[in-house]
Amino acid sequence: MTVMVSFRADDDVVAEVDRWAERLGVERSELVREALATHLARLAAEDDVAAFEAQPFTADELALDGVNDWGPAEDWSDWAAWADERDRAAG
């Protein structure tokens, strides 16, 4: 659902918005809508940072952090050769 939002802005700000909207080839409302969404996302990120700084990850939460470094659980290096052979046999 979308809701119509209306607000007042200084003439110079509106002129700048119009210049950017024309330069980017978008409607003024789209430019303002995206700018507002971007600003709200930045504020939310700052809030996330503050929450993390107030309560960082525990050792238990970091326990699986090294899993990314394990690499594959199995050796699949010969899979491509097997698939090629299968395709030749089927083909």
Protein backbone atom coordinates (compact mmCIF):
# COMPACT_ATOMS: atom_id res chain seq x y z
CA MET A 1 0.00 0.00 0.00
CA THR A 2 1.25 3.48 -0.73
CA VAL A 3 0.31 6.68 1.04
CA MET A 4 0.45 10.19 -0.34
CA VAL A 5 2.89 12.35 1.62
CA SER A 6 3.07 16.09 1.17
CA PHE A 7 5.53 18.56 2.66
CA ARG A 8 6.87 22.03 2.10
CA ALA A 9 10.41 22.73 0.90
CA ASP A 10 12.40 25.85 0.10
CA ASP A 11 12.33 27.00 -3.52
CA ASP A 12 16.06 26.37 -3.96
CA VAL A 13 15.72 22.79 -2.71
CA VAL A 14 12.81 22.12 -5.07
CA ALA A 15 14.79 23.61 -7.95
CA GLU A 16 17.72 21.33 -7.13
CA VAL A 17 15.40 18.31 -6.97
CA ASP A 18 13.95 19.27 -10.35
CA ARG A 19 17.43 19.61 -11.88
CA TRP A 20 18.47 16.19 -10.60
CA ALA A 21 15.21 14.56 -11.66
CA GLU A 22 15.61 15.92 -15.17
CA ARG A 23 19.29 14.95 -15.30
CA LEU A 24 18.49 11.40 -14.15
CA GLY A 25 15.40 11.11 -16.31
CA VAL A 26 13.02 10.35 -13.44
CA GLU A 27 9.97 12.05 -12.00
CA ARG A 28 10.46 14.39 -9.06
CA SER A 29 8.37 12.16 -6.81
CA GLU A 30 10.51 9.11 -7.66
CA LEU A 31 13.71 11.00 -6.84
CA VAL A 32 12.33 12.24 -3.52
CA ARG A 33 10.88 8.80 -2.68
CA GLU A 34 14.22 7.08 -3.33
CA ALA A 35 16.15 9.76 -1.44
CA LEU A 36 13.84 9.33 1.55
CA ALA A 37 14.17 5.52 1.46
CA THR A 38 17.98 5.82 1.24
CA HIS A 39 18.09 8.23 4.16
CA LEU A 40 15.85 5.97 6.27
CA ALA A 41 18.06 2.97 5.46
CA ARG A 42 21.14 4.94 6.58
CA LEU A 43 19.41 5.89 9.84
CA ALA A 44 18.46 2.24 10.43
CA ALA A 45 22.07 1.19 9.79
CA GLU A 46 23.29 3.74 12.31
CA ASP A 47 20.78 2.34 14.79
CA ASP A 48 22.11 -1.19 14.11
CA VAL A 49 25.67 0.01 14.75
CA ALA A 50 24.63 1.56 18.04
CA ALA A 51 22.86 -1.65 19.08
CA PHE A 52 25.93 -3.75 18.22
CA GLU A 53 28.24 -1.40 20.10
CA ALA A 54 25.95 -1.61 23.13
CA GLN A 55 25.85 -5.41 22.97
CA PRO A 56 28.51 -7.01 20.72
CA PHE A 57 28.35 -10.63 19.57
CA THR A 58 29.08 -13.22 22.24
CA ALA A 59 31.64 -16.01 21.87
CA ASP A 60 28.78 -18.44 21.23
CA GLU A 61 27.45 -16.27 18.41
CA LEU A 62 30.92 -16.09 16.86
CA ALA A 63 31.54 -19.85 17.17
CA LEU A 64 30.64 -20.59 13.55
CA ASP A 65 32.47 -17.59 12.14
CA GLY A 66 35.37 -19.74 10.92
CA VAL A 67 33.11 -22.08 8.92
CA ASN A 68 33.64 -19.95 5.81
CA ASP A 69 37.30 -20.96 5.84
CA TRP A 70 36.67 -24.70 5.89
CA GLY A 71 36.25 -25.02 2.14
CA PRO A 72 34.15 -27.71 0.49
CA ALA A 73 33.32 -30.77 2.55
CA GLU A 74 34.00 -33.05 -0.42
CA ASP A 75 36.34 -33.02 -3.40
CA TRP A 76 34.23 -32.26 -6.47
CA SER A 77 37.17 -31.44 -8.75
CA ASP A 78 36.49 -34.44 -11.01
CA TRP A 79 32.79 -33.64 -11.41
CA ALA A 80 33.26 -31.61 -14.60
CA ALA A 81 35.12 -34.47 -16.30
CA TRP A 82 32.42 -36.94 -15.25
CA ALA A 83 29.66 -34.62 -16.58
CA ASP A 84 31.50 -34.17 -19.90
CA GLU A 85 31.86 -37.97 -20.28
CA ARG A 86 28.19 -38.47 -19.45
CA ASP A 87 27.16 -35.86 -22.05
CA ARG A 88 29.35 -37.47 -24.72
CA ALA A 89 27.85 -40.88 -24.01
CA ALA A 90 24.30 -39.52 -24.16
CA GLY A 91 24.91 -37.44 -27.24
